Every structure is written in C-alpha cells, then in structure tokens.
Amino acid sequence: MRFEVKVTGLLHYFLGLKIVQNQAKGSVWIGQPTYTVTLLERFEMENAKSVKTPVSSGSQLVKTRVSDKYVNQTLYQSAVGCLLYLSTMTRPDKAFAGSNVAKYCSNSTKEHWTAVKRVLRYVKGSRDLGLLYTNDEPMECIGYPDADWGGDTDDRKSTSGFLFQIGGIAVTWRSTKQTCVTLSTAEAEYRALTGAAQEAIG
C-alpha cells in the first residue's frame, strides 16, 4: 500500500511542543511556551510575581490535619496534572516540585495549594526554557542519580531522582518517593543509584 506524502518544510509545532531547528548550527530546541501561557491563564496566574525556584527551601508539606482548610480538589488535581505533563515533556527542572505536590491530590489544603501556586510562579518566570539538542558534545551517556534522606516528614521516606544525558542533553529523568524507610543516607543513595541503573539498562 502506498500513501502520498507532502513535504511542508521544517517542523515547527507538534502536539503542543514548539520546535526551533537551526540547520546551520545543527541544533534543535524544544519547549512549551504557548502551553505555559495557557496554563497560567487557566489558573489565573498570568499576572503573578515570578520566583527563581519552584520550591521554597524553608517549607515542608505535611498531610492534611483536621484544622486545615481544604481547597477545591478538582482545581488542585487539574493544576498538578498540568504541571506533571509539563515536567515530563520539556521541563526536568521542576520534576521534583511536580511530584511533591502530587502526593496530596486526595486531600489538598490551602498550604498545598500555595505550594502549587509557587510552582506556577516559577513556570511564569521560566516559560521560555526548554531542551536544546546540539551535536557539539561527544555522544556518551551520563547519568546523575541523587536522593534525600527521610525528606517526607509524614512517613520519613526518602525521595530518589535521576537524570540521564546523551551528548550533554537531557533525554530521561524522574523523581519518585522510595517505597520503604531507609536507615542511613548511604542506603537512600544506594536505592537511588539502583533505580538509575535500572533505567540505564532498560
């Protein structure tokens, strides 16, 4: 079976992704600035003051308490879903922030919503960031695993994360909470390394 194919030139947009190709330099930039603007408008954050980091270093989220004020669950879950989509496509810099607020989708409070808005404010100030693929670096695969120790104040479980680069370009990344409580920083780091090794082999 044969199909007619029409060549329309270089690819510019694909499934919400903006693609900028520079044939002279041999580079490709992939980002989601249009999606980011739509996201900010949807949650009425387009006029919010931007921040330089997605998570405040001095704050730690905890489970809902009886005295806490609840927020609209549908609104919260929608915002978290949009942030997770953004982080898995072109924004590894906020993968941890997205997974951190996602833990409270079933019982979200005003405190959790403030954390989500913090991520949105960071997105506002960095909406033109994306992934730049070039052919300048040697094509070798390098992985960077990391973990905290007992970072979740509710169950004392640690969070693992990794990022792999090929030719200096991020190609896969993830941030997840570990399944059991580790007894030392060495054990937490070992579990993070194991997850990264599984990704490399797979």
Protein backbone atom coordinates (compact mmCIF):
# COMPACT_ATOMS: atom_id res chain seq x y z
CA MET A 1 0.00 0.00 0.00
CA ARG A 2 1.32 3.46 -0.88
CA PHE A 3 0.46 6.89 0.51
CA GLU A 4 1.18 10.32 -0.84
CA VAL A 5 3.48 12.39 1.37
CA LYS A 6 3.66 16.15 1.15
CA VAL A 7 6.84 17.88 2.33
CA THR A 8 5.91 21.17 4.00
CA GLY A 9 9.32 22.21 5.33
CA LEU A 10 10.85 22.13 8.80
CA LEU A 11 8.72 21.04 11.77
CA HIS A 12 7.68 23.97 13.98
CA TYR A 13 4.88 22.63 16.23
CA PHE A 14 3.94 19.11 17.23
CA LEU A 15 1.38 18.14 19.90
CA GLY A 16 1.81 21.43 21.75
CA LEU A 17 5.60 21.41 21.50
CA LYS A 18 7.40 24.31 19.87
CA ILE A 19 10.39 23.16 17.83
CA VAL A 20 13.09 25.50 16.58
CA GLN A 21 15.61 23.95 14.19
CA ASN A 22 18.86 25.62 13.25
CA GLN A 23 20.31 23.67 10.36
CA ALA A 24 23.41 25.87 10.15
CA LYS A 25 24.41 25.06 13.76
CA GLY A 26 22.90 21.59 13.75
CA SER A 27 20.73 22.30 16.81
CA VAL A 28 17.11 21.68 17.80
CA TRP A 29 15.29 23.49 20.63
CA ILE A 30 12.10 22.01 22.10
CA GLY A 31 9.87 23.90 24.54
CA GLN A 32 6.27 24.63 25.51
CA PRO A 33 5.93 28.42 25.84
CA THR A 34 2.40 28.51 24.38
CA TYR A 35 1.20 25.72 26.66
CA THR A 36 2.77 27.53 29.61
CA VAL A 37 0.89 30.76 28.85
CA THR A 38 -2.38 28.81 28.52
CA LEU A 39 -1.66 27.04 31.82
CA LEU A 40 -1.09 30.32 33.67
CA GLU A 41 -4.24 31.86 32.25
CA ARG A 42 -6.30 28.79 33.15
CA PHE A 43 -5.38 29.09 36.81
CA GLU A 44 -5.37 32.92 36.83
CA MET A 45 -1.64 33.19 37.49
CA GLU A 46 -0.63 35.18 34.39
CA ASN A 47 -0.14 38.35 36.47
CA ALA A 48 1.54 36.66 39.43
CA LYS A 49 5.03 37.66 40.51
CA SER A 50 7.60 35.14 39.26
CA VAL A 51 10.11 33.36 41.52
CA LYS A 52 13.51 31.85 40.79
CA THR A 53 12.93 28.39 42.31
CA PRO A 54 9.93 26.02 42.10
CA VAL A 55 10.13 25.03 45.78
CA SER A 56 10.80 27.17 48.82
CA SER A 57 13.77 25.79 50.76
CA GLY A 58 12.20 26.65 54.11
CA SER A 59 8.84 24.93 53.63
CA GLN A 60 7.85 21.26 54.05
CA LEU A 61 4.46 19.92 53.09
CA VAL A 62 2.64 17.61 55.52
CA LYS A 63 -0.52 15.54 55.44
CA THR A 64 -3.87 17.18 56.00
CA ARG A 65 -4.81 17.92 59.60
CA VAL A 66 -8.33 18.29 60.97
CA SER A 67 -7.92 22.03 61.48
CA ASP A 68 -6.64 22.68 57.93
CA LYS A 69 -8.71 24.47 55.32
CA TYR A 70 -9.49 22.39 52.27
CA VAL A 71 -9.37 23.67 48.69
CA ASN A 72 -11.24 22.65 45.55
CA GLN A 73 -9.97 19.13 44.82
CA THR A 74 -10.79 19.27 41.10
CA LEU A 75 -8.93 22.55 40.70
CA TYR A 76 -5.93 21.23 42.63
CA GLN A 77 -5.76 17.96 40.69
CA SER A 78 -6.08 19.77 37.35
CA ALA A 79 -3.22 22.11 38.19
CA VAL A 80 -0.99 19.26 39.38
CA GLY A 81 -1.77 17.23 36.25
CA CYS A 82 -0.81 20.16 34.02
CA LEU A 83 2.45 20.68 35.91
CA LEU A 84 3.33 16.98 35.71
CA TYR A 85 2.69 16.99 31.96
CA LEU A 86 4.97 19.99 31.57
CA SER A 87 7.73 18.40 33.66
CA THR A 88 7.66 15.07 31.81
CA MET A 89 7.80 16.68 28.36
CA THR A 90 10.37 19.50 28.38
CA ARG A 91 10.95 20.72 31.94
CA PRO A 92 13.06 18.34 34.06
CA ASP A 93 13.93 21.31 36.31
CA LYS A 94 10.56 21.01 38.04
CA ALA A 95 10.10 17.24 38.13
CA PHE A 96 10.61 17.12 41.91
CA ALA A 97 8.27 20.05 42.54
CA GLY A 98 5.55 18.40 40.47
CA SER A 99 5.83 15.02 42.17
CA ASN A 100 5.99 16.70 45.58
CA VAL A 101 2.60 18.44 45.27
CA ALA A 102 1.09 15.39 43.53
CA LYS A 103 1.27 13.43 46.81
CA TYR A 104 -1.58 15.50 48.23
CA CYS A 105 -4.13 15.24 45.40
CA SER A 106 -6.64 13.26 47.50
CA ASN A 107 -6.72 15.69 50.47
CA SER A 108 -5.31 19.04 49.46
CA THR A 109 -5.32 22.06 51.73
CA LYS A 110 -4.63 25.76 51.41
CA GLU A 111 -0.98 25.08 52.27
CA HIS A 112 -0.68 22.57 49.44
CA TRP A 113 -2.37 24.95 47.01
CA THR A 114 0.14 27.64 47.97
CA ALA A 115 2.92 25.21 47.01
CA VAL A 116 1.25 24.59 43.64
CA LYS A 117 1.00 28.32 43.03
CA ARG A 118 4.68 28.64 43.88
CA VAL A 119 5.49 26.20 41.06
CA LEU A 120 3.22 28.15 38.72
CA ARG A 121 5.02 31.37 39.63
CA TYR A 122 8.32 29.68 38.81
CA VAL A 123 6.89 28.49 35.49
CA LYS A 124 5.85 32.06 34.70
CA GLY A 125 9.39 33.33 35.09
CA SER A 126 10.91 30.50 33.07
CA ARG A 127 8.31 29.87 30.38
CA ASP A 128 10.85 30.25 27.57
CA LEU A 129 13.11 27.48 28.90
CA GLY A 130 13.29 24.17 27.08
CA LEU A 131 15.65 21.47 25.86
CA LEU A 132 18.42 22.36 23.43
CA TYR A 133 19.84 19.48 21.39
CA THR A 134 23.17 20.08 19.67
CA ASN A 135 25.87 17.96 18.05
CA ASP A 136 28.76 19.72 19.77
CA GLU A 137 29.28 17.24 22.61
CA PRO A 138 30.56 13.65 22.30
CA MET A 139 27.65 11.19 22.17
CA GLU A 140 28.19 9.47 25.51
CA CYS A 141 25.51 8.57 28.05
CA ILE A 142 25.96 10.02 31.54
CA GLY A 143 23.56 9.55 34.45
CA TYR A 144 23.14 11.61 37.63
CA PRO A 145 21.26 9.89 40.49
CA ASP A 146 20.54 11.57 43.82
CA ALA A 147 18.40 11.18 46.93
CA ASP A 148 17.50 12.97 50.12
CA TRP A 149 17.20 11.12 53.42
CA GLY A 150 13.85 10.97 55.17
CA GLY A 151 12.63 14.04 53.34
CA ASP A 152 8.93 13.21 53.76
CA THR A 153 8.01 14.47 57.23
CA ASP A 154 4.88 12.27 57.36
CA ASP A 155 6.37 8.80 56.80
CA ARG A 156 10.14 9.61 56.77
CA LYS A 157 10.60 8.04 53.35
CA SER A 158 13.29 9.39 51.05
CA THR A 159 12.93 10.73 47.53
CA SER A 160 15.03 9.44 44.63
CA GLY A 161 15.76 11.21 41.40
CA PHE A 162 17.89 10.76 38.32
CA LEU A 163 18.69 12.44 35.03
CA PHE A 164 20.42 10.95 32.00
CA GLN A 165 22.16 12.93 29.30
CA ILE A 166 23.39 11.89 25.88
CA GLY A 167 25.83 14.33 24.36
CA GLY A 168 25.15 16.76 27.22
CA ILE A 169 21.40 16.74 26.51
CA ALA A 170 18.72 15.55 28.96
CA VAL A 171 16.89 12.55 27.50
CA THR A 172 15.21 10.94 30.53
CA TRP A 173 14.54 11.99 34.13
CA ARG A 174 12.38 11.02 37.09
CA SER A 175 11.68 11.91 40.71
CA THR A 176 9.89 9.36 42.92
CA LYS A 177 9.42 8.58 46.59
CA GLN A 178 11.16 5.44 47.81
CA THR A 179 8.96 2.54 48.91
CA CYS A 180 10.49 1.96 52.33
CA VAL A 181 12.15 3.92 55.14
CA THR A 182 15.94 3.90 54.80
CA LEU A 183 18.18 3.83 57.86
CA SER A 184 21.01 5.99 56.53
CA THR A 185 21.91 8.44 53.78
CA ALA A 186 24.10 5.73 52.23
CA GLU A 187 21.11 3.38 51.91
CA ALA A 188 18.94 6.14 50.41
CA GLU A 189 21.65 6.98 47.87
CA TYR A 190 22.14 3.28 47.06
CA ARG A 191 18.43 2.88 46.30
CA ALA A 192 18.55 5.97 44.07
CA LEU A 193 21.57 4.51 42.27
CA THR A 194 19.74 1.20 41.80
CA GLY A 195 16.76 2.95 40.20
CA ALA A 196 19.05 4.89 37.89
CA ALA A 197 20.90 1.68 36.92
CA GLN A 198 17.59 0.02 36.06
CA GLU A 199 16.73 2.96 33.81
CA ALA A 200 20.13 2.78 32.11
CA ILE A 201 19.83 -0.95 31.43
CA GLY A 202 16.17 -0.74 30.36
